[in-house]
Amino acid sequence: MGRFSLGRRAGLLLPLSCVRNARGDMACYTDAGDVARFLRAAGCTLWQLLPLNELTGGSESPYGANSSHALEPVYIDLAACEDVGALGPEEEQGLAEAREKDRVDFALIRGVKRAALARGWVRFRDRELRKGSARAAAFARFRESKQGWLADYTLYRALHDESQVSWRDWEPGLRDREPDALECARRGNGDVIDRLAWMQWIAYEQWRRGRADANALGVKVVGDLPFMVAGDSADVWGLQRFFRFDATVGVPPDAYSAEGQDGRRPISYPPRNPRNGRKASASCGSSAPAPTCWLRTWARCPTSCGPRSRNRAFPAPRCCAGRSTRACRATRAGFRPPRSA
C-alpha cells in the first residue's frame, strides 16, 4: 500500500450540515464550491467532512449509516434538480421554518425534500424514462454501475419505509431473504425501488459536481467514514452471514469516558478464504486468524449485567455470561487512511 500524503496543508473539519448556503438553508452537495471558496479565503486547501451516508430512520448521528454506499438525500439541492420544479406553499413554509431554527431540524427538512423528490420522480418517470431520453440512459448506466449494492439498498428501504420496523422484525421470508419472498417484494414495490434508485442518482451526480467544483479551486476533500453500519441497515440485512449479533462495537474506557462507549453496531466478520478456511481481512484480503477492522473496537456482550458494566469488555477470555469471546483487533493490515477527492 502506498503512503498516503497530501503534503503540508491547512484545513478544516466542517460537516456539511453545519453550513448555511446563500439561501439560508442547510448546505447541499452543490454548495461544495462555495465552501471551498470560503476555505481558500482562510488559507485552507483541505476540507474534512463527516460521513455523508444515508442515516437510519430517526438517527441524527452521521455515524448511524443504513448503507455503506448510499448518500443521504437530505443534502440534495432541490433547486438544482430539474425534475422537481417549483416548490409548493407548504414546502416553502417548511424550509422557511427550518431557516429560523438555531439547530438543524433534520426531520423537517427531510420531510420537505422527500415530498418534493417524490413529485420529481413522477416527472422524470413520465417525461424522461418512458421516452428513453438521454437522461434516462444516464440513469440506467448509474443503476448498472452501482448494482452491487443498489439493488439490496433500494429493496431494503422500500420494505423498511412500509413496515417502519427493523428488518429483524419482518416476516420470516423477507427477514431471512428467501428468494421467492424477495422476488415478490421487488414486483410489489417496483415504482418505489425505482424512485429510491433515482434519488441516489441525483445525490451522486450533485455530489460529483460539487466535489469537482471544490477540486477546481484547489481544495481537496477528505471524508470521515462510519466505522460500522447500523444493525438496522441494508448492509447487515443483505450480508447477515458476515455479522455477529451477540455483541456490539464500541470504544474502551479512556479519558473521555470512564466506562467506555457502546456504539451499538454489530461486529462484522470478514469472509473466509476458500483455500484455507481462515478469515480474510476485509480491507486487504490477507488471511488473519481473527476479524480485523479499521478502528480500535470494543465488543460488548448483551447480557443482563447492564449496558455500561466494565466486566463485559473484550478481550477478556470469557464474558460475564461465561461464553467464550473474541475481540476485533486493529492491525496495520486492516487500516486504511481517508481518500482524498
Protein backbone atom coordinates (compact mmCIF):
# COMPACT_ATOMS: atom_id res chain seq x y z
CA MET A 1 0.00 0.00 0.00
CA GLY A 2 1.40 3.39 -0.99
CA ARG A 3 1.93 6.03 1.66
CA PHE A 4 -0.95 8.48 1.94
CA SER A 5 0.34 12.04 1.73
CA LEU A 6 -1.10 15.36 0.66
CA GLY A 7 1.91 17.34 1.78
CA ARG A 8 1.71 20.03 4.39
CA ARG A 9 -1.70 21.68 4.29
CA ALA A 10 -4.07 23.63 6.48
CA GLY A 11 -7.66 22.51 6.58
CA LEU A 12 -10.90 22.50 8.45
CA LEU A 13 -13.27 19.84 9.74
CA LEU A 14 -16.62 21.20 8.62
CA PRO A 15 -19.69 18.93 8.42
CA LEU A 16 -21.99 19.81 5.55
CA SER A 17 -24.91 20.07 7.96
CA CYS A 18 -23.12 22.88 9.82
CA VAL A 19 -23.00 25.15 6.76
CA ARG A 20 -25.77 27.51 5.68
CA ASN A 21 -25.87 28.29 1.99
CA ALA A 22 -26.67 31.59 0.29
CA ARG A 23 -30.41 30.94 0.69
CA GLY A 24 -30.02 30.39 4.42
CA ASP A 25 -30.78 26.68 4.14
CA MET A 26 -28.64 23.80 5.36
CA ALA A 27 -25.94 23.31 2.74
CA CYS A 28 -26.36 20.84 -0.10
CA TYR A 29 -23.98 18.79 -2.23
CA THR A 30 -23.95 21.56 -4.82
CA ASP A 31 -22.66 24.08 -2.26
CA ALA A 32 -19.23 22.43 -2.07
CA GLY A 33 -17.77 25.08 -4.37
CA ASP A 34 -18.92 27.90 -2.08
CA VAL A 35 -17.43 26.09 0.93
CA ALA A 36 -14.16 25.73 -1.00
CA ARG A 37 -14.08 29.46 -1.72
CA PHE A 38 -14.57 30.17 1.99
CA LEU A 39 -11.72 27.79 2.84
CA ARG A 40 -9.36 29.30 0.27
CA ALA A 41 -10.07 32.77 1.65
CA ALA A 42 -8.91 31.46 5.03
CA GLY A 43 -5.78 29.91 3.53
CA CYS A 44 -7.08 26.33 3.73
CA THR A 45 -6.81 23.73 1.00
CA LEU A 46 -8.18 20.72 2.85
CA TRP A 47 -11.81 20.09 3.76
CA GLN A 48 -12.70 17.19 6.02
CA LEU A 49 -16.32 16.11 6.17
CA LEU A 50 -18.25 13.87 8.48
CA PRO A 51 -19.92 10.86 6.80
CA LEU A 52 -22.46 11.64 4.08
CA ASN A 53 -24.02 8.17 4.17
CA GLU A 54 -27.78 7.92 4.48
CA LEU A 55 -28.85 7.64 8.09
CA THR A 56 -31.01 5.05 9.76
CA GLY A 57 -34.53 6.36 10.38
CA GLY A 58 -34.72 8.64 13.40
CA SER A 59 -30.95 8.98 13.73
CA GLU A 60 -29.17 12.33 13.55
CA SER A 61 -25.68 10.93 14.12
CA PRO A 62 -23.62 10.92 10.92
CA TYR A 63 -22.27 7.55 12.03
CA GLY A 64 -25.67 5.80 12.08
CA ALA A 65 -25.47 4.71 8.45
CA ASN A 66 -28.11 2.44 6.94
CA SER A 67 -25.81 1.77 3.98
CA SER A 68 -22.08 1.90 3.41
CA HIS A 69 -22.72 3.27 -0.10
CA ALA A 70 -25.96 5.26 -0.24
CA LEU A 71 -25.71 9.04 0.10
CA GLU A 72 -28.04 11.00 2.38
CA PRO A 73 -30.84 12.52 0.26
CA VAL A 74 -31.35 15.32 2.78
CA TYR A 75 -28.39 17.11 1.16
CA ILE A 76 -29.92 17.09 -2.32
CA ASP A 77 -30.36 20.60 -3.71
CA LEU A 78 -33.99 20.80 -4.83
CA ALA A 79 -33.34 23.97 -6.83
CA ALA A 80 -30.66 22.15 -8.84
CA CYS A 81 -32.89 19.17 -9.61
CA GLU A 82 -34.67 19.96 -12.85
CA ASP A 83 -37.35 17.34 -12.24
CA VAL A 84 -38.64 18.92 -9.02
CA GLY A 85 -39.75 22.28 -10.35
CA ALA A 86 -41.27 24.96 -8.14
CA LEU A 87 -41.98 24.09 -4.52
CA GLY A 88 -45.48 24.21 -3.15
CA PRO A 89 -46.57 26.66 -0.42
CA GLU A 90 -46.31 24.06 2.34
CA GLU A 91 -42.82 23.03 1.22
CA GLU A 92 -41.68 26.65 1.09
CA GLN A 93 -43.14 27.20 4.56
CA GLY A 94 -41.33 24.13 5.90
CA LEU A 95 -37.97 25.33 4.64
CA ALA A 96 -38.66 28.83 5.98
CA GLU A 97 -39.32 27.36 9.42
CA ALA A 98 -36.09 25.37 9.25
CA ARG A 99 -34.12 28.54 8.42
CA GLU A 100 -35.38 30.24 11.57
CA LYS A 101 -34.15 27.49 13.89
CA ASP A 102 -30.79 27.62 15.64
CA ARG A 103 -30.25 23.87 15.20
CA VAL A 104 -30.76 21.74 12.14
CA ASP A 105 -34.22 20.18 12.10
CA PHE A 106 -33.42 17.07 10.08
CA ALA A 107 -36.93 15.67 10.39
CA LEU A 108 -38.50 18.82 8.99
CA ILE A 109 -36.01 19.23 6.14
CA ARG A 110 -36.12 15.54 5.29
CA GLY A 111 -39.91 15.58 5.14
CA VAL A 112 -39.97 18.54 2.75
CA LYS A 113 -37.33 17.09 0.48
CA ARG A 114 -38.85 13.62 0.36
CA ALA A 115 -42.18 15.05 -0.71
CA ALA A 116 -40.59 17.25 -3.38
CA LEU A 117 -38.37 14.44 -4.66
CA ALA A 118 -41.32 12.05 -4.85
CA ARG A 119 -43.00 14.57 -7.14
CA GLY A 120 -39.78 14.98 -9.09
CA TRP A 121 -39.55 11.23 -9.63
CA VAL A 122 -43.01 11.12 -11.18
CA ARG A 123 -42.00 13.85 -13.61
CA PHE A 124 -38.76 12.10 -14.51
CA ARG A 125 -40.52 8.77 -14.95
CA ASP A 126 -43.22 10.24 -17.21
CA ARG A 127 -41.13 12.75 -19.17
CA GLU A 128 -37.73 11.07 -19.40
CA LEU A 129 -37.82 7.39 -18.54
CA ARG A 130 -40.80 6.41 -20.65
CA LYS A 131 -39.47 8.34 -23.65
CA GLY A 132 -35.99 6.86 -23.41
CA SER A 133 -34.25 10.23 -23.22
CA ALA A 134 -30.53 10.86 -22.78
CA ARG A 135 -31.08 11.43 -19.05
CA ALA A 136 -32.95 8.14 -18.83
CA ALA A 137 -29.94 6.44 -20.41
CA ALA A 138 -27.61 8.11 -17.89
CA PHE A 139 -29.84 6.88 -15.05
CA ALA A 140 -29.73 3.35 -16.47
CA ARG A 141 -25.92 3.49 -16.61
CA PHE A 142 -25.80 4.60 -12.98
CA ARG A 143 -28.01 1.71 -11.88
CA GLU A 144 -25.87 -0.76 -13.78
CA SER A 145 -22.63 0.60 -12.31
CA LYS A 146 -23.98 0.50 -8.73
CA GLN A 147 -25.91 -2.75 -8.97
CA GLY A 148 -23.61 -4.44 -6.48
CA TRP A 149 -25.19 -2.50 -3.61
CA LEU A 150 -28.09 -0.54 -5.09
CA ALA A 151 -30.48 -3.47 -5.57
CA ASP A 152 -30.37 -4.56 -1.93
CA TYR A 153 -30.41 -0.99 -0.65
CA THR A 154 -33.49 0.08 -2.58
CA LEU A 155 -35.42 -3.06 -1.64
CA TYR A 156 -34.42 -2.67 2.00
CA ARG A 157 -35.51 0.98 2.01
CA ALA A 158 -38.82 0.20 0.32
CA LEU A 159 -39.63 -2.54 2.83
CA HIS A 160 -38.38 -0.53 5.78
CA ASP A 161 -40.43 2.54 4.87
CA GLU A 162 -43.51 0.35 4.52
CA SER A 163 -43.09 -1.62 7.74
CA GLN A 164 -41.46 1.07 9.93
CA VAL A 165 -39.69 -1.65 11.93
CA SER A 166 -36.25 -3.21 11.87
CA TRP A 167 -35.60 -5.92 9.29
CA ARG A 168 -35.17 -8.36 12.17
CA ASP A 169 -38.89 -7.94 12.87
CA TRP A 170 -40.01 -8.55 9.29
CA GLU A 171 -41.88 -11.67 8.30
CA PRO A 172 -39.51 -14.67 8.17
CA GLY A 173 -39.37 -14.91 4.39
CA LEU A 174 -38.13 -11.33 3.99
CA ARG A 175 -36.05 -11.35 7.14
CA ASP A 176 -34.21 -14.48 6.05
CA ARG A 177 -34.01 -13.35 2.41
CA GLU A 178 -35.83 -16.30 0.88
CA PRO A 179 -35.62 -15.90 -2.94
CA ASP A 180 -39.36 -16.21 -3.58
CA ALA A 181 -40.20 -13.65 -0.91
CA LEU A 182 -37.59 -11.21 -2.25
CA GLU A 183 -38.84 -11.55 -5.82
CA CYS A 184 -42.43 -10.98 -4.73
CA ALA A 185 -41.38 -7.89 -2.76
CA ARG A 186 -39.49 -6.49 -5.76
CA ARG A 187 -42.52 -6.91 -8.00
CA GLY A 188 -44.82 -5.29 -5.46
CA ASN A 189 -42.53 -2.31 -4.82
CA GLY A 190 -41.21 -1.68 -8.32
CA ASP A 191 -42.03 2.02 -8.53
CA VAL A 192 -40.73 2.76 -5.03
CA ILE A 193 -37.50 0.91 -5.78
CA ASP A 194 -37.05 2.91 -8.99
CA ARG A 195 -37.68 6.17 -7.13
CA LEU A 196 -35.11 5.36 -4.47
CA ALA A 197 -32.54 4.48 -7.14
CA TRP A 198 -33.32 7.77 -8.93
CA MET A 199 -32.78 9.72 -5.70
CA GLN A 200 -29.36 8.12 -5.29
CA TRP A 201 -28.53 9.04 -8.88
CA ILE A 202 -29.45 12.67 -8.21
CA ALA A 203 -27.41 12.69 -4.98
CA TYR A 204 -24.37 11.08 -6.59
CA GLU A 205 -24.47 13.48 -9.56
CA GLN A 206 -24.83 16.56 -7.36
CA TRP A 207 -22.02 15.47 -5.05
CA ARG A 208 -19.78 14.65 -8.04
CA ARG A 209 -20.30 18.14 -9.43
CA GLY A 210 -19.88 19.79 -6.03
CA ARG A 211 -16.68 17.90 -5.33
CA ALA A 212 -15.35 18.80 -8.78
CA ASP A 213 -16.04 22.48 -8.07
CA ALA A 214 -14.06 22.26 -4.82
CA ASN A 215 -11.17 20.45 -6.51
CA ALA A 216 -11.07 23.06 -9.28
CA LEU A 217 -10.45 25.71 -6.61
CA GLY A 218 -7.54 23.70 -5.21
CA VAL A 219 -9.39 22.26 -2.21
CA LYS A 220 -9.05 18.55 -1.51
CA VAL A 221 -11.98 16.83 0.15
CA VAL A 222 -11.29 14.08 2.68
CA GLY A 223 -14.13 12.34 4.39
CA ASP A 224 -14.67 10.52 7.60
CA LEU A 225 -16.40 7.17 7.24
CA PRO A 226 -18.87 5.44 9.56
CA PHE A 227 -16.71 2.85 11.33
CA MET A 228 -19.60 0.40 11.23
CA VAL A 229 -23.04 0.36 9.64
CA ALA A 230 -26.08 0.28 11.91
CA GLY A 231 -27.61 -3.06 12.80
CA ASP A 232 -30.80 -1.98 11.07
CA SER A 233 -29.19 -1.34 7.69
CA ALA A 234 -29.24 -2.60 4.13
CA ASP A 235 -25.72 -4.00 4.50
CA VAL A 236 -26.43 -6.08 7.58
CA TRP A 237 -29.73 -7.36 6.19
CA GLY A 238 -28.13 -8.25 2.87
CA LEU A 239 -24.95 -9.79 4.34
CA GLN A 240 -26.15 -11.32 7.58
CA ARG A 241 -23.62 -14.13 7.44
CA PHE A 242 -20.80 -11.62 7.84
CA PHE A 243 -22.09 -10.13 11.10
CA ARG A 244 -22.45 -11.37 14.65
CA PHE A 245 -25.34 -10.17 16.77
CA ASP A 246 -24.34 -11.35 20.25
CA ALA A 247 -22.13 -8.30 20.83
CA THR A 248 -21.77 -4.71 19.75
CA VAL A 249 -18.82 -2.50 18.91
CA GLY A 250 -17.71 0.48 20.94
CA VAL A 251 -14.65 2.16 22.46
CA PRO A 252 -12.79 1.06 25.60
CA PRO A 253 -12.60 3.30 28.69
CA ASP A 254 -10.46 6.36 28.08
CA ALA A 255 -10.01 9.95 29.22
CA TYR A 256 -13.40 10.90 27.77
CA SER A 257 -15.48 8.08 29.22
CA ALA A 258 -14.57 6.07 32.29
CA GLU A 259 -16.94 3.27 31.29
CA GLY A 260 -16.29 3.27 27.55
CA GLN A 261 -18.77 3.97 24.78
CA ASP A 262 -21.16 1.46 23.28
CA GLY A 263 -21.58 2.23 19.56
CA ARG A 264 -24.42 -0.31 19.32
CA ARG A 265 -23.10 -1.54 15.97
CA PRO A 266 -22.86 -5.24 15.12
CA ILE A 267 -19.42 -6.74 14.68
CA SER A 268 -18.54 -7.66 11.12
CA TYR A 269 -16.81 -10.88 10.19
CA PRO A 270 -14.63 -10.89 7.07
CA PRO A 271 -15.38 -13.73 4.64
CA ARG A 272 -13.35 -16.91 4.90
CA ASN A 273 -10.58 -17.69 2.47
CA PRO A 274 -11.89 -20.66 0.42
CA ARG A 275 -8.37 -22.12 0.18
CA ASN A 276 -7.63 -22.46 3.88
CA GLY A 277 -10.84 -21.61 5.71
CA ARG A 278 -9.20 -18.77 7.60
CA LYS A 279 -10.92 -15.42 7.89
CA ALA A 280 -9.59 -12.88 5.41
CA SER A 281 -9.11 -9.24 6.26
CA ALA A 282 -11.98 -7.32 4.69
CA SER A 283 -9.67 -4.42 3.90
CA CYS A 284 -6.57 -6.07 2.44
CA GLY A 285 -7.58 -9.62 1.55
CA SER A 286 -4.85 -11.26 3.64
CA SER A 287 -5.51 -14.24 5.87
CA ALA A 288 -5.98 -13.49 9.55
CA PRO A 289 -6.89 -15.75 12.46
CA ALA A 290 -9.44 -13.27 13.80
CA PRO A 291 -11.63 -10.47 12.43
CA THR A 292 -9.79 -7.24 11.74
CA CYS A 293 -11.25 -3.81 11.41
CA TRP A 294 -10.18 -0.28 10.60
CA LEU A 295 -10.57 1.17 14.07
CA ARG A 296 -9.90 0.13 17.62
CA THR A 297 -13.04 -1.64 18.71
CA TRP A 298 -14.54 -2.87 21.93
CA ALA A 299 -17.09 -5.63 21.79
CA ARG A 300 -19.83 -5.76 24.41
CA CYS A 301 -21.84 -8.81 25.28
CA PRO A 302 -25.61 -8.07 25.54
CA THR A 303 -26.33 -9.87 28.80
CA SER A 304 -28.16 -8.92 31.97
CA CYS A 305 -25.19 -7.26 33.68
CA GLY A 306 -26.24 -3.82 32.41
CA PRO A 307 -25.44 -1.64 29.44
CA ARG A 308 -22.35 0.01 30.93
CA SER A 309 -20.77 -2.75 33.01
CA ARG A 310 -17.00 -2.79 32.60
CA ASN A 311 -16.72 -6.51 33.15
CA ARG A 312 -18.33 -7.08 29.76
CA ALA A 313 -15.37 -5.59 27.92
CA PHE A 314 -13.47 -7.76 25.50
CA PRO A 315 -10.84 -9.14 25.07
CA ALA A 316 -11.41 -10.83 28.40
CA PRO A 317 -11.30 -14.59 27.70
CA ARG A 318 -14.92 -15.01 28.71
CA CYS A 319 -17.75 -12.57 29.11
CA CYS A 320 -19.85 -12.32 32.22
CA ALA A 321 -22.24 -14.97 30.93
CA GLY A 322 -19.38 -17.46 30.70
CA ARG A 323 -19.40 -17.64 26.92
CA SER A 324 -16.09 -17.61 25.08
CA THR A 325 -15.47 -14.40 23.18
CA ARG A 326 -13.06 -12.91 20.66
CA ALA A 327 -12.43 -9.23 20.16
CA CYS A 328 -11.87 -7.45 16.88
CA ARG A 329 -8.27 -6.36 16.55
CA ALA A 330 -6.99 -3.18 14.97
CA THR A 331 -3.99 -4.00 12.81
CA ARG A 332 -1.91 -2.17 10.30
CA ALA A 333 -3.12 -4.56 7.65
CA GLY A 334 -6.69 -3.54 8.42
CA PHE A 335 -6.12 0.21 8.40
CA ARG A 336 -6.91 2.48 5.51
CA PRO A 337 -6.34 6.26 5.58
CA PRO A 338 -9.02 8.56 4.23
CA ARG A 339 -9.09 9.01 0.48
CA SER A 340 -8.83 12.43 -1.00
CA ALA A 341 -11.29 13.52 -3.68
